[in-house]
Amino acid sequence: MRRASICFALLVLGRSAPAQELLRIEGLHGRVETLGSAERVELLTGLGPRDCPGPGLLEAGSMASARLSWPGRASLLTQGRAGLEWRGRGEASLRVLELQHGELEVRRGPLVLELPWCWNARFETGAYRLHAQPGGALEIETVAGAAPQLWWSRAGLIRPCAGPACGERLLLPPDWSSTNRGEPEPYAPWAQVSWPWGRVAEVLHVTVDPQVESHAVPAPPEPAPLPPFQAQLWHDHAREELELVGAFAIERRDDLALGRSGQAGITLRLRSDATRPAWILRESTDLELAPGTLVVLDEQGTLLANLGAIRVHARPEGRPAPASAGIAPRK
């Protein structure tokens, strides 16, 4: 009996710790493509489940369906257009660039989703539906389980809000910002949610005693004047409408998502519901992206891969390089 107990203890202690669960992707039907660390576009439809250890991107067409899962933890079934990015390394998180419709179930959270328009969501345990509405709003419905935790984050600001309870729906608007958080929200059920920052701000009076400086402080140097800027050379964009990314410039737009990855480079994706193309202004040539297009570039602006339609235009004569045109870098 004692020998049997010792063998059982050795067997239990000899077991290795459970490995982190990798993201598993399966293209069910329609066009489901991925771009992984190999920087090669692959069609996954009909190949069965496939483990994805490294970071990558998924693109699904309007009539496509795909299943993303961490076995034993959570799964997401997409229907229609979808653009998703994952970091790999066993992290249970996704960056949602676009999602027409999704059925999400979380058995063992947390699962974190970076949603469009600076919204974020954390799901613990339950079943949920995500659906894109006309105009860009994203609807979240809690079918069963715990309410998700939601927050809006941009430029270092974080504004949490209550998620929908079981049986409720919530709209995440694309035009929400921290400047209008004190106004009544037109999206149910936020009207019934306590808004701790909804009160009128109190005036803060500060009195500073004058102090005599013993040493004169030199005045800060004046900023160098910006070089001249001709909008017609930049496809009729003003300097303030552009931002510098690496050695190339892009438009400042909410429907143009930018991501960085050490292996995949710089990813730019223009939403499918965009009303006009987007420009990538480079030192040699310019790229015009059609709505729904995703491109991958390096820091110099070299095109590494693309999903969707792009057009290449010659650089207008006399236009300086974007890095020397006084365009403000992306923050």
Protein backbone atom coordinates (compact mmCIF):
# COMPACT_ATOMS: atom_id res chain seq x y z
CA MET A 1 0.00 0.00 0.00
CA ARG A 2 2.81 2.37 0.86
CA ARG A 3 4.60 1.56 -2.39
CA ALA A 4 1.42 2.33 -4.38
CA SER A 5 1.07 5.73 -2.63
CA ILE A 6 4.66 6.64 -3.45
CA CYS A 7 4.18 5.72 -7.15
CA PHE A 8 1.00 7.83 -7.33
CA ALA A 9 2.76 10.85 -5.76
CA LEU A 10 5.66 10.55 -8.20
CA LEU A 11 3.23 10.35 -11.11
CA VAL A 12 1.39 13.50 -10.03
CA LEU A 13 4.54 15.50 -9.34
CA GLY A 14 6.13 14.41 -12.59
CA ARG A 15 3.40 15.93 -14.74
CA SER A 16 4.46 19.01 -16.64
CA ALA A 17 2.56 22.28 -16.27
CA PRO A 18 -0.18 22.85 -18.89
CA ALA A 19 1.12 24.76 -21.89
CA GLN A 20 -0.44 28.00 -23.02
CA GLU A 21 -3.27 27.48 -25.49
CA LEU A 22 -2.53 28.71 -29.00
CA LEU A 23 -5.09 30.43 -31.16
CA ARG A 24 -6.77 27.96 -33.54
CA ILE A 25 -8.36 29.24 -36.77
CA GLU A 26 -10.65 27.41 -39.18
CA GLY A 27 -12.01 28.84 -42.43
CA LEU A 28 -15.54 27.42 -42.68
CA HIS A 29 -16.65 28.81 -46.05
CA GLY A 30 -16.08 31.78 -48.32
CA ARG A 31 -12.77 33.68 -48.59
CA VAL A 32 -10.82 33.45 -45.31
CA GLU A 33 -7.18 34.54 -45.64
CA THR A 34 -4.41 35.08 -43.10
CA LEU A 35 -1.11 36.93 -43.07
CA GLY A 36 1.30 35.48 -40.51
CA SER A 37 4.93 35.83 -39.52
CA ALA A 38 6.00 34.35 -42.89
CA GLU A 39 4.59 37.51 -44.56
CA ARG A 40 2.71 35.32 -47.03
CA VAL A 41 -1.04 35.42 -47.62
CA GLU A 42 -2.63 32.00 -47.09
CA LEU A 43 -6.16 30.81 -47.89
CA LEU A 44 -7.48 28.75 -44.94
CA THR A 45 -10.93 27.79 -46.24
CA GLY A 46 -11.40 24.03 -46.30
CA LEU A 47 -8.09 23.16 -44.61
CA GLY A 48 -9.58 22.37 -41.20
CA PRO A 49 -8.49 23.80 -37.80
CA ARG A 50 -5.00 25.27 -37.74
CA ASP A 51 -2.90 26.44 -34.77
CA CYS A 52 -1.39 29.93 -35.11
CA PRO A 53 1.50 30.39 -32.63
CA GLY A 54 2.77 33.76 -33.84
CA PRO A 55 1.18 37.15 -34.52
CA GLY A 56 -0.89 37.61 -37.64
CA LEU A 57 -3.93 39.05 -39.41
CA LEU A 58 -7.17 37.47 -40.62
CA GLU A 59 -9.31 38.82 -43.46
CA ALA A 60 -12.75 37.37 -44.27
CA GLY A 61 -15.00 38.36 -47.19
CA SER A 62 -18.63 39.47 -47.09
CA MET A 63 -20.02 35.93 -47.53
CA ALA A 64 -17.36 34.16 -45.46
CA SER A 65 -17.37 32.48 -42.06
CA ALA A 66 -14.48 31.56 -39.76
CA ARG A 67 -13.99 30.14 -36.27
CA LEU A 68 -11.25 31.39 -33.93
CA SER A 69 -10.78 29.56 -30.65
CA TRP A 70 -8.55 28.96 -27.68
CA PRO A 71 -9.67 25.37 -26.90
CA GLY A 72 -11.00 25.12 -23.39
CA ARG A 73 -11.19 28.92 -22.97
CA ALA A 74 -13.16 30.82 -25.62
CA SER A 75 -14.24 30.82 -29.26
CA LEU A 76 -15.49 33.39 -31.80
CA LEU A 77 -17.58 32.49 -34.85
CA THR A 78 -17.55 35.25 -37.50
CA GLN A 79 -20.12 35.71 -40.24
CA GLY A 80 -19.58 38.21 -43.07
CA ARG A 81 -16.75 40.71 -43.34
CA ALA A 82 -14.09 40.46 -40.64
CA GLY A 83 -10.62 41.82 -40.02
CA LEU A 84 -8.89 40.51 -36.89
CA GLU A 85 -5.34 40.74 -35.53
CA TRP A 86 -3.78 38.50 -32.88
CA ARG A 87 -0.46 38.81 -31.04
CA GLY A 88 0.31 35.13 -30.47
CA ARG A 89 2.31 33.77 -27.51
CA GLY A 90 -0.87 32.24 -26.10
CA GLU A 91 -2.48 35.63 -25.32
CA ALA A 92 -6.29 35.45 -25.21
CA SER A 93 -6.88 38.78 -26.93
CA LEU A 94 -7.86 40.05 -30.36
CA ARG A 95 -7.76 43.42 -32.09
CA VAL A 96 -11.00 43.85 -34.05
CA LEU A 97 -10.43 45.97 -37.13
CA GLU A 98 -13.82 45.03 -38.60
CA LEU A 99 -16.54 42.55 -37.61
CA GLN A 100 -19.89 42.34 -39.38
CA HIS A 101 -21.33 39.69 -37.03
CA GLY A 102 -19.76 37.52 -34.34
CA GLU A 103 -20.96 34.83 -31.91
CA LEU A 104 -18.66 34.82 -28.86
CA GLU A 105 -18.58 32.33 -26.01
CA VAL A 106 -16.14 32.52 -23.11
CA ARG A 107 -15.81 29.52 -20.78
CA ARG A 108 -12.69 30.53 -18.87
CA GLY A 109 -11.74 34.20 -19.22
CA PRO A 110 -10.60 36.76 -19.37
CA LEU A 111 -10.78 37.45 -23.12
CA VAL A 112 -9.91 41.04 -24.13
CA LEU A 113 -11.06 42.59 -27.44
CA GLU A 114 -9.70 45.87 -28.80
CA LEU A 115 -12.73 47.18 -30.68
CA PRO A 116 -12.98 49.91 -33.34
CA TRP A 117 -13.33 53.60 -32.46
CA CYS A 118 -11.08 53.32 -29.32
CA TRP A 119 -13.44 50.96 -27.46
CA ASN A 120 -12.24 47.94 -25.44
CA ALA A 121 -14.09 45.02 -23.85
CA ARG A 122 -13.16 42.31 -21.32
CA PHE A 123 -15.26 39.14 -21.17
CA GLU A 124 -15.10 36.72 -18.22
CA THR A 125 -17.75 33.99 -18.61
CA GLY A 126 -20.79 33.91 -20.86
CA ALA A 127 -22.18 34.06 -24.40
CA TYR A 128 -22.34 37.27 -26.42
CA ARG A 129 -23.24 38.63 -29.85
CA LEU A 130 -21.38 41.43 -31.66
CA HIS A 131 -23.00 43.10 -34.65
CA ALA A 132 -21.97 46.11 -36.75
CA GLN A 133 -24.75 48.65 -37.29
CA PRO A 134 -25.13 51.12 -40.20
CA GLY A 135 -23.13 54.24 -39.48
CA GLY A 136 -20.30 52.42 -37.74
CA ALA A 137 -21.79 51.69 -34.29
CA LEU A 138 -21.04 48.28 -32.78
CA GLU A 139 -23.79 46.45 -30.89
CA ILE A 140 -22.93 44.07 -28.03
CA GLU A 141 -25.62 41.73 -26.66
CA THR A 142 -25.16 39.59 -23.55
CA VAL A 143 -27.02 36.34 -24.24
CA ALA A 144 -25.98 34.59 -21.01
CA GLY A 145 -23.44 34.98 -18.25
CA ALA A 146 -21.67 37.98 -16.75
CA ALA A 147 -21.80 41.48 -18.21
CA PRO A 148 -18.58 42.50 -20.01
CA GLN A 149 -16.38 45.31 -18.78
CA LEU A 150 -16.20 48.16 -21.32
CA TRP A 151 -13.99 51.23 -21.52
CA TRP A 152 -13.07 53.96 -24.01
CA SER A 153 -9.37 54.78 -24.25
CA ARG A 154 -7.51 57.32 -26.36
CA ALA A 155 -4.41 59.52 -25.92
CA GLY A 156 -3.81 58.24 -22.40
CA LEU A 157 -7.44 58.76 -21.24
CA ILE A 158 -9.56 55.82 -20.00
CA ARG A 159 -13.33 56.16 -19.50
CA PRO A 160 -15.05 52.99 -18.17
CA CYS A 161 -18.77 52.31 -18.56
CA ALA A 162 -21.18 49.56 -17.52
CA GLY A 163 -21.60 46.65 -19.92
CA PRO A 164 -24.98 45.16 -20.88
CA ALA A 165 -26.49 42.71 -18.40
CA CYS A 166 -27.94 39.37 -19.48
CA GLY A 167 -30.66 39.98 -22.09
CA GLU A 168 -29.59 43.58 -22.76
CA ARG A 169 -27.92 45.22 -25.74
CA LEU A 170 -25.50 48.13 -25.89
CA LEU A 171 -24.34 50.36 -28.76
CA LEU A 172 -20.74 51.61 -28.87
CA PRO A 173 -20.90 54.78 -31.01
CA PRO A 174 -18.04 55.80 -33.32
CA ASP A 175 -18.39 59.52 -32.55
CA TRP A 176 -18.09 59.30 -28.74
CA SER A 177 -15.26 61.21 -27.07
CA SER A 178 -14.23 62.43 -23.65
CA THR A 179 -15.46 65.95 -24.47
CA ASN A 180 -19.16 64.97 -24.55
CA ARG A 181 -19.13 62.43 -21.70
CA GLY A 182 -21.16 64.74 -19.44
CA GLU A 183 -24.07 65.01 -21.88
CA PRO A 184 -26.97 62.51 -21.89
CA GLU A 185 -26.07 59.59 -24.14
CA PRO A 186 -28.59 58.87 -26.95
CA TYR A 187 -27.76 55.15 -26.92
CA ALA A 188 -29.75 52.83 -24.64
CA PRO A 189 -29.25 51.57 -22.02
CA TRP A 190 -26.70 54.21 -21.05
CA ALA A 191 -29.47 56.57 -19.94
CA GLN A 192 -29.98 54.30 -16.89
CA VAL A 193 -26.25 54.03 -16.06
CA SER A 194 -24.77 56.17 -13.31
CA TRP A 195 -22.21 58.48 -14.92
CA PRO A 196 -19.74 59.59 -12.21
CA TRP A 197 -18.28 62.33 -14.39
CA GLY A 198 -21.64 63.61 -15.66
CA ARG A 199 -21.91 66.43 -13.12
CA VAL A 200 -20.94 69.98 -13.89
CA ALA A 201 -17.26 70.52 -13.17
CA GLU A 202 -16.47 72.73 -10.19
CA VAL A 203 -14.22 75.77 -10.65
CA LEU A 204 -10.88 75.28 -8.97
CA HIS A 205 -9.25 78.46 -7.63
CA VAL A 206 -5.49 78.34 -7.13
CA THR A 207 -3.50 81.13 -5.50
CA VAL A 208 0.23 81.30 -6.19
CA ASP A 209 2.48 83.53 -4.10
CA PRO A 210 4.92 85.53 -6.21
CA GLN A 211 8.55 84.58 -5.76
CA VAL A 212 11.58 86.57 -6.70
CA GLU A 213 13.89 84.59 -8.92
CA SER A 214 17.52 84.87 -7.90
CA HIS A 215 18.75 83.81 -11.32
CA ALA A 216 17.32 84.80 -14.63
CA VAL A 217 15.87 81.83 -16.52
CA PRO A 218 16.72 81.91 -20.21
CA ALA A 219 13.77 82.03 -22.52
CA PRO A 220 13.08 78.77 -24.39
CA PRO A 221 14.35 78.80 -27.95
CA GLU A 222 11.80 79.66 -30.59
CA PRO A 223 10.74 76.71 -32.74
CA ALA A 224 12.21 76.60 -36.21
CA PRO A 225 9.82 77.79 -38.90
CA LEU A 226 8.12 75.06 -40.89
CA PRO A 227 9.07 74.67 -44.55
CA PRO A 228 6.53 75.84 -47.15
CA PHE A 229 3.73 73.40 -47.88
CA GLN A 230 1.73 73.21 -51.13
CA ALA A 231 -1.47 71.20 -50.71
CA GLN A 232 -1.77 70.43 -54.44
CA LEU A 233 1.43 68.37 -54.21
CA TRP A 234 -0.12 66.25 -51.44
CA HIS A 235 -3.40 65.39 -53.20
CA ASP A 236 -5.12 68.51 -51.80
CA HIS A 237 -4.38 67.64 -48.15
CA ALA A 238 -3.30 70.30 -45.69
CA ARG A 239 -0.26 69.65 -43.51
CA GLU A 240 -2.51 69.32 -40.43
CA GLU A 241 -4.50 66.55 -42.15
CA LEU A 242 -1.43 64.28 -42.42
CA GLU A 243 0.77 62.45 -39.93
CA LEU A 244 4.21 60.92 -40.33
CA VAL A 245 4.70 57.16 -39.80
CA GLY A 246 8.30 56.10 -40.29
CA ALA A 247 9.44 57.68 -43.56
CA PHE A 248 5.96 58.03 -45.11
CA ALA A 249 2.81 60.03 -44.40
CA ILE A 250 -0.81 58.92 -44.01
CA GLU A 251 -4.12 60.73 -43.54
CA ARG A 252 -5.49 61.46 -40.07
CA ARG A 253 -8.71 59.41 -40.25
CA ASP A 254 -10.74 57.40 -37.78
CA ASP A 255 -11.57 54.76 -40.41
CA LEU A 256 -7.87 54.09 -41.18
CA ALA A 257 -6.49 51.70 -38.53
CA LEU A 258 -2.75 51.43 -37.91
CA GLY A 259 -0.93 48.64 -36.12
CA ARG A 260 2.70 47.76 -35.49
CA SER A 261 4.28 44.34 -35.15
CA GLY A 262 7.91 43.42 -34.82
CA GLN A 263 7.59 40.65 -37.39
CA ALA A 264 4.73 41.73 -39.66
CA GLY A 265 5.79 45.42 -39.91
CA ILE A 266 3.32 48.31 -40.08
CA THR A 267 -0.27 47.37 -40.97
CA LEU A 268 -2.78 49.85 -42.37
CA ARG A 269 -6.41 48.91 -42.94
CA LEU A 270 -9.14 51.07 -44.41
CA ARG A 271 -12.60 50.07 -43.22
CA SER A 272 -15.00 48.60 -45.77
CA ASP A 273 -17.62 51.28 -44.99
CA ALA A 274 -15.21 54.15 -45.74
CA THR A 275 -16.72 56.75 -48.09
CA ARG A 276 -13.49 57.56 -49.95
CA PRO A 277 -10.06 56.05 -50.61
CA ALA A 278 -7.06 56.65 -48.36
CA TRP A 279 -3.60 57.89 -49.39
CA ILE A 280 -0.15 56.66 -48.35
CA LEU A 281 2.35 59.35 -49.38
CA ARG A 282 5.88 58.04 -49.85
CA GLU A 283 9.18 59.47 -51.04
CA SER A 284 9.07 57.68 -54.40
CA THR A 285 5.44 56.84 -55.21
CA ASP A 286 2.01 57.20 -53.58
CA LEU A 287 -0.46 54.40 -52.80
CA GLU A 288 -4.24 54.84 -53.05
CA LEU A 289 -6.19 52.31 -50.93
CA ALA A 290 -9.72 51.30 -51.83
CA PRO A 291 -12.22 50.77 -48.95
CA GLY A 292 -11.66 47.40 -47.27
CA THR A 293 -7.97 47.19 -48.22
CA LEU A 294 -5.20 46.07 -45.85
CA VAL A 295 -1.50 46.66 -46.54
CA VAL A 296 1.73 45.80 -44.71
CA LEU A 297 4.76 48.13 -45.05
CA ASP A 298 8.15 48.54 -43.43
CA GLU A 299 9.43 51.74 -41.78
CA GLN A 300 10.60 53.14 -45.15
CA GLY A 301 7.17 52.60 -46.75
CA THR A 302 8.10 49.57 -48.87
CA LEU A 303 5.00 47.48 -49.63
CA LEU A 304 5.40 43.96 -48.17
CA ALA A 305 1.90 42.53 -48.66
CA ASN A 306 -1.66 43.62 -49.34
CA LEU A 307 -5.24 42.34 -49.25
CA GLY A 308 -7.58 44.35 -51.44
CA ALA A 309 -7.26 46.91 -54.24
CA ILE A 310 -4.47 49.51 -54.38
CA ARG A 311 -3.34 51.96 -57.08
CA VAL A 312 0.19 53.31 -57.44
CA HIS A 313 0.68 56.98 -58.43
CA ALA A 314 3.87 58.81 -59.32
CA ARG A 315 5.12 61.40 -56.84
CA PRO A 316 4.28 64.96 -58.03
CA GLU A 317 7.33 66.79 -59.29
CA GLY A 318 8.82 69.20 -56.78
CA ARG A 319 7.32 67.59 -53.68
CA PRO A 320 9.82 67.06 -50.82
CA ALA A 321 10.18 63.85 -48.87
CA PRO A 322 7.47 63.42 -46.17
CA ALA A 323 10.11 63.38 -43.42
CA SER A 324 11.35 66.85 -44.40
CA ALA A 325 7.97 68.52 -45.07
CA GLY A 326 7.22 69.46 -41.44
CA ILE A 327 4.49 66.82 -41.01
CA ALA A 328 3.93 65.99 -37.36
CA PRO A 329 4.79 62.39 -36.39
CA ARG A 330 2.04 60.07 -35.24
CA LYS A 331 1.62 60.06 -31.46
